[in-house]
């Protein structure tokens, strides 16, 4: 099963400093058909105006992955962590029993990012935060694990969920294959470019919900940057 969710069908909220588009129900946007996709609960496509951001606010019992597409985001939290994550790189916060954090665009340009929330396997646990660089050249033509609940995914940021967050860059005319299993829930978004998967074409920032398949092959119709979640 492959379902296209065009960008113009997503929920949205423009707060001036924040232009947010929601692949799943979030805040004031609610669609009973788009509450979650397996353990994947939130996929927000955010544009944050220069010099603005999210003031300190709390989270608990959620794995929160931030994939920066353009610009950079500066994180600060109640655990004493502070860091700046640049375009193409990833940060992960395991909220666990509870954490407060802020996310600000300290740059002189808009920052665009995907914020992905995955439901953890178990509630509680000590909160944590981490970030890592993932050069786009290192994921050219194949998927690289960016965040994962599988300890064998070397180099990936750890999350407390039966899920993988993967990234790839694919040149026009080339393809990339991902092996999975029919009981998994996959959600694919081309950050840039245009792709085809299973006869379905998707433009940049469209969502593609996939399940009941053992593998998928994605062909780039234009040079494309892909982000894929494979979750229980």
Protein backbone atom coordinates (compact mmCIF):
# COMPACT_ATOMS: atom_id res chain seq x y z
CA UNK A 1 0.00 0.00 0.00
CA UNK A 2 1.36 3.37 -1.07
CA UNK A 3 -0.60 6.55 -0.34
CA UNK A 4 0.47 9.98 -1.58
CA UNK A 5 -0.17 12.89 0.78
CA UNK A 6 0.45 16.04 -1.30
CA UNK A 7 2.00 19.02 0.43
CA UNK A 8 -1.06 21.16 -0.31
CA UNK A 9 -3.27 18.65 1.56
CA UNK A 10 -1.36 18.98 4.83
CA UNK A 11 -2.61 20.85 7.88
CA UNK A 12 -1.01 24.24 8.33
CA UNK A 13 -0.65 27.19 10.67
CA UNK A 14 1.18 30.42 9.88
CA UNK A 15 2.14 32.32 13.04
CA UNK A 16 4.21 34.93 11.23
CA UNK A 17 7.53 33.90 12.73
CA UNK A 18 6.65 30.23 12.14
CA UNK A 19 5.07 28.72 9.02
CA UNK A 20 4.20 25.13 9.97
CA UNK A 21 2.78 22.32 7.84
CA UNK A 22 1.59 19.15 9.57
CA UNK A 23 1.67 15.70 7.96
CA UNK A 24 -0.23 14.40 11.02
CA UNK A 25 -2.73 15.86 13.47
CA UNK A 26 -0.98 18.48 15.60
CA UNK A 27 -2.08 21.40 17.80
CA UNK A 28 -5.27 22.88 16.30
CA UNK A 29 -5.09 20.68 13.19
CA UNK A 30 -6.95 17.39 13.58
CA UNK A 31 -7.66 14.80 10.91
CA UNK A 32 -8.88 11.45 12.29
CA UNK A 33 -7.33 9.71 9.26
CA UNK A 34 -3.91 11.26 9.97
CA UNK A 35 -3.27 10.88 13.68
CA UNK A 36 -0.22 8.63 13.48
CA UNK A 37 1.43 6.07 11.19
CA UNK A 38 2.47 3.20 13.40
CA UNK A 39 4.76 4.67 16.05
CA UNK A 40 5.29 7.82 13.95
CA UNK A 41 3.20 10.52 15.60
CA UNK A 42 4.33 13.89 14.19
CA UNK A 43 6.06 15.12 11.04
CA UNK A 44 6.09 18.91 10.92
CA UNK A 45 7.56 20.90 8.04
CA UNK A 46 8.60 24.17 9.70
CA UNK A 47 9.98 27.46 8.38
CA UNK A 48 11.32 29.60 11.25
CA UNK A 49 11.99 33.28 10.64
CA UNK A 50 15.49 34.62 11.34
CA UNK A 51 15.97 35.73 14.95
CA UNK A 52 12.90 33.88 16.25
CA UNK A 53 12.07 30.46 17.61
CA UNK A 54 10.32 28.29 20.15
CA UNK A 55 10.69 29.58 23.73
CA UNK A 56 11.26 27.12 26.58
CA UNK A 57 8.52 24.50 26.77
CA UNK A 58 8.18 20.95 28.18
CA UNK A 59 8.01 17.46 26.64
CA UNK A 60 7.81 13.94 28.03
CA UNK A 61 7.61 10.39 26.68
CA UNK A 62 8.48 11.20 23.07
CA UNK A 63 11.47 10.74 20.75
CA UNK A 64 11.93 14.06 18.95
CA UNK A 65 14.15 14.13 15.87
CA UNK A 66 15.01 17.38 14.10
CA UNK A 67 16.33 17.27 10.53
CA UNK A 68 17.56 20.71 9.44
CA UNK A 69 17.06 21.41 5.73
CA UNK A 70 18.34 25.00 5.48
CA UNK A 71 19.99 27.35 7.97
CA UNK A 72 20.55 26.14 11.53
CA UNK A 73 18.74 25.70 14.83
CA UNK A 74 20.17 26.41 18.30
CA UNK A 75 19.00 24.13 21.09
CA UNK A 76 19.11 24.69 24.86
CA UNK A 77 17.54 22.46 27.50
CA UNK A 78 17.01 21.93 31.22
CA UNK A 79 19.70 19.20 31.24
CA UNK A 80 22.34 21.83 30.49
CA UNK A 81 22.81 20.93 26.83
CA UNK A 82 23.30 23.57 24.17
CA UNK A 83 24.13 23.05 20.52
CA UNK A 84 23.72 24.37 16.99
CA UNK A 85 22.55 21.94 14.30
CA UNK A 86 23.17 22.94 10.68
CA UNK A 87 21.51 22.04 7.38
CA UNK A 88 21.67 18.32 6.61
CA UNK A 89 22.48 17.42 10.20
CA UNK A 90 20.27 15.92 12.90
CA UNK A 91 19.52 16.30 16.59
CA UNK A 92 17.58 13.90 18.82
CA UNK A 93 15.92 14.54 22.17
CA UNK A 94 14.54 11.63 24.18
CA UNK A 95 12.09 13.41 26.45
CA UNK A 96 11.67 10.48 28.87
CA UNK A 97 10.35 11.50 32.28
CA UNK A 98 10.38 15.16 31.24
CA UNK A 99 12.58 17.92 29.86
CA UNK A 100 12.22 21.59 28.99
CA UNK A 101 13.93 23.06 25.93
CA UNK A 102 14.02 25.98 23.51
CA UNK A 103 14.81 25.99 19.78
CA UNK A 104 15.87 29.28 18.18
CA UNK A 105 16.95 30.38 14.74
CA UNK A 106 19.96 32.54 15.54
CA UNK A 107 20.86 32.88 11.85
CA UNK A 108 20.33 35.81 9.48
CA UNK A 109 18.11 33.73 7.18
CA UNK A 110 15.02 31.57 7.55
CA UNK A 111 15.64 28.07 8.87
CA UNK A 112 13.65 25.18 7.44
CA UNK A 113 13.45 21.79 9.13
CA UNK A 114 11.50 18.60 9.62
CA UNK A 115 10.50 17.86 13.20
CA UNK A 116 9.66 14.18 13.62
CA UNK A 117 8.13 12.66 16.76
CA UNK A 118 8.14 8.92 17.38
CA UNK A 119 6.34 7.21 20.26
CA UNK A 120 8.89 5.40 22.49
CA UNK A 121 8.63 1.68 23.21
CA UNK A 122 8.31 2.39 26.93
CA UNK A 123 7.34 5.40 29.02
CA UNK A 124 9.81 7.10 31.35
CA UNK A 125 13.58 6.94 31.40
CA UNK A 126 16.22 9.60 31.87
CA UNK A 127 15.90 12.36 29.26
CA UNK A 128 18.80 12.89 26.85
CA UNK A 129 19.88 14.99 23.88
CA UNK A 130 22.46 14.56 21.13
CA UNK A 131 23.37 15.85 17.67
CA UNK A 132 25.52 14.63 14.80
CA UNK A 133 26.73 15.70 11.37
CA UNK A 134 25.64 13.68 8.34
CA UNK A 135 27.44 14.96 5.21
CA UNK A 136 25.21 14.61 2.16
CA UNK A 137 28.05 13.13 0.08
CA UNK A 138 28.24 10.22 2.54
CA UNK A 139 24.63 9.22 1.75
CA UNK A 140 24.75 9.65 -2.01
CA UNK A 141 22.95 6.77 -3.69
CA UNK A 142 22.04 4.89 -0.53
CA UNK A 143 20.19 5.30 2.75
CA UNK A 144 22.18 6.12 5.88
CA UNK A 145 20.67 5.68 9.36
CA UNK A 146 20.40 9.10 11.04
CA UNK A 147 18.55 8.03 14.20
CA UNK A 148 17.70 4.50 15.22
CA UNK A 149 16.47 2.23 17.98
CA UNK A 150 18.73 -0.51 16.63
CA UNK A 151 22.19 -0.45 18.23
CA UNK A 152 23.67 -2.12 15.12
CA UNK A 153 22.98 1.03 13.07
CA UNK A 154 26.48 2.37 13.55
CA UNK A 155 26.77 6.14 13.56
CA UNK A 156 23.06 6.77 14.06
CA UNK A 157 21.80 8.85 16.96
CA UNK A 158 20.04 6.52 19.44
CA UNK A 159 16.30 6.64 20.01
CA UNK A 160 14.14 4.57 22.36
CA UNK A 161 11.76 3.26 19.72
CA UNK A 162 11.52 0.40 17.25
CA UNK A 163 12.16 2.77 14.37
CA UNK A 164 14.79 4.04 11.98
CA UNK A 165 15.15 7.55 10.54
CA UNK A 166 17.11 7.36 7.28
CA UNK A 167 18.50 9.85 4.80
CA UNK A 168 19.71 9.60 1.20
CA UNK A 169 20.57 11.82 -1.73
CA UNK A 170 19.78 10.43 -5.19
CA UNK A 171 20.73 11.86 -8.56
CA UNK A 172 18.14 12.18 -11.33
CA UNK A 173 17.62 8.87 -13.09
CA UNK A 174 19.14 6.80 -10.28
CA UNK A 175 17.35 4.60 -7.74
CA UNK A 176 17.74 3.54 -4.12
CA UNK A 177 16.14 0.48 -2.47
CA UNK A 178 15.15 0.00 1.16
CA UNK A 179 14.45 -3.46 2.60
CA UNK A 180 11.74 -3.62 5.26
CA UNK A 181 8.91 -6.00 6.21
CA UNK A 182 5.20 -5.96 5.48
CA UNK A 183 4.20 -5.18 9.08
CA UNK A 184 6.25 -1.95 9.19
CA UNK A 185 5.00 1.59 8.62
CA UNK A 186 7.16 3.71 6.32
CA UNK A 187 6.80 7.42 5.72
CA UNK A 188 8.87 9.05 2.99
CA UNK A 189 9.32 12.76 2.28
CA UNK A 190 11.57 14.22 -0.43
CA UNK A 191 13.04 17.33 1.13
CA UNK A 192 14.00 18.42 -2.38
CA UNK A 193 13.45 17.05 -5.86
CA UNK A 194 10.87 14.75 -7.41
CA UNK A 195 10.62 10.97 -7.04
CA UNK A 196 8.68 7.88 -8.06
CA UNK A 197 7.99 4.92 -5.78
CA UNK A 198 5.74 2.01 -6.74
CA UNK A 199 4.23 3.97 -9.60
CA UNK A 200 3.43 6.96 -7.37
CA UNK A 201 5.12 10.30 -8.08
CA UNK A 202 5.90 12.70 -5.23
CA UNK A 203 7.12 16.28 -5.33
CA UNK A 204 9.33 18.00 -2.77
CA UNK A 205 7.69 18.07 0.70
CA UNK A 206 4.90 15.64 -0.25
CA UNK A 207 4.44 12.69 2.12
CA UNK A 208 4.25 9.06 1.02
CA UNK A 209 2.75 6.57 3.50
CA UNK A 210 3.79 2.97 2.82
CA UNK A 211 2.97 -0.37 4.44
CA UNK A 212 2.41 -4.08 3.55
CA UNK A 213 5.58 -4.18 1.44
CA UNK A 214 8.87 -6.03 1.96
CA UNK A 215 10.93 -3.47 0.06
CA UNK A 216 10.61 -0.18 -1.79
CA UNK A 217 12.61 1.22 -4.69
CA UNK A 218 12.67 4.98 -5.08
CA UNK A 219 13.70 6.51 -8.41
CA UNK A 220 14.74 10.15 -8.55
CA UNK A 221 13.07 12.05 -11.39
CA UNK A 222 15.13 15.07 -10.32
CA UNK A 223 18.13 15.31 -7.98
CA UNK A 224 16.48 14.54 -4.63
CA UNK A 225 17.17 14.61 -0.91
CA UNK A 226 15.14 11.95 0.92
CA UNK A 227 14.11 11.43 4.53
CA UNK A 228 12.46 8.12 5.45
CA UNK A 229 11.02 6.80 8.72
CA UNK A 230 10.61 3.02 9.08
CA UNK A 231 8.64 2.35 12.26
CA UNK A 232 6.76 -0.46 13.97
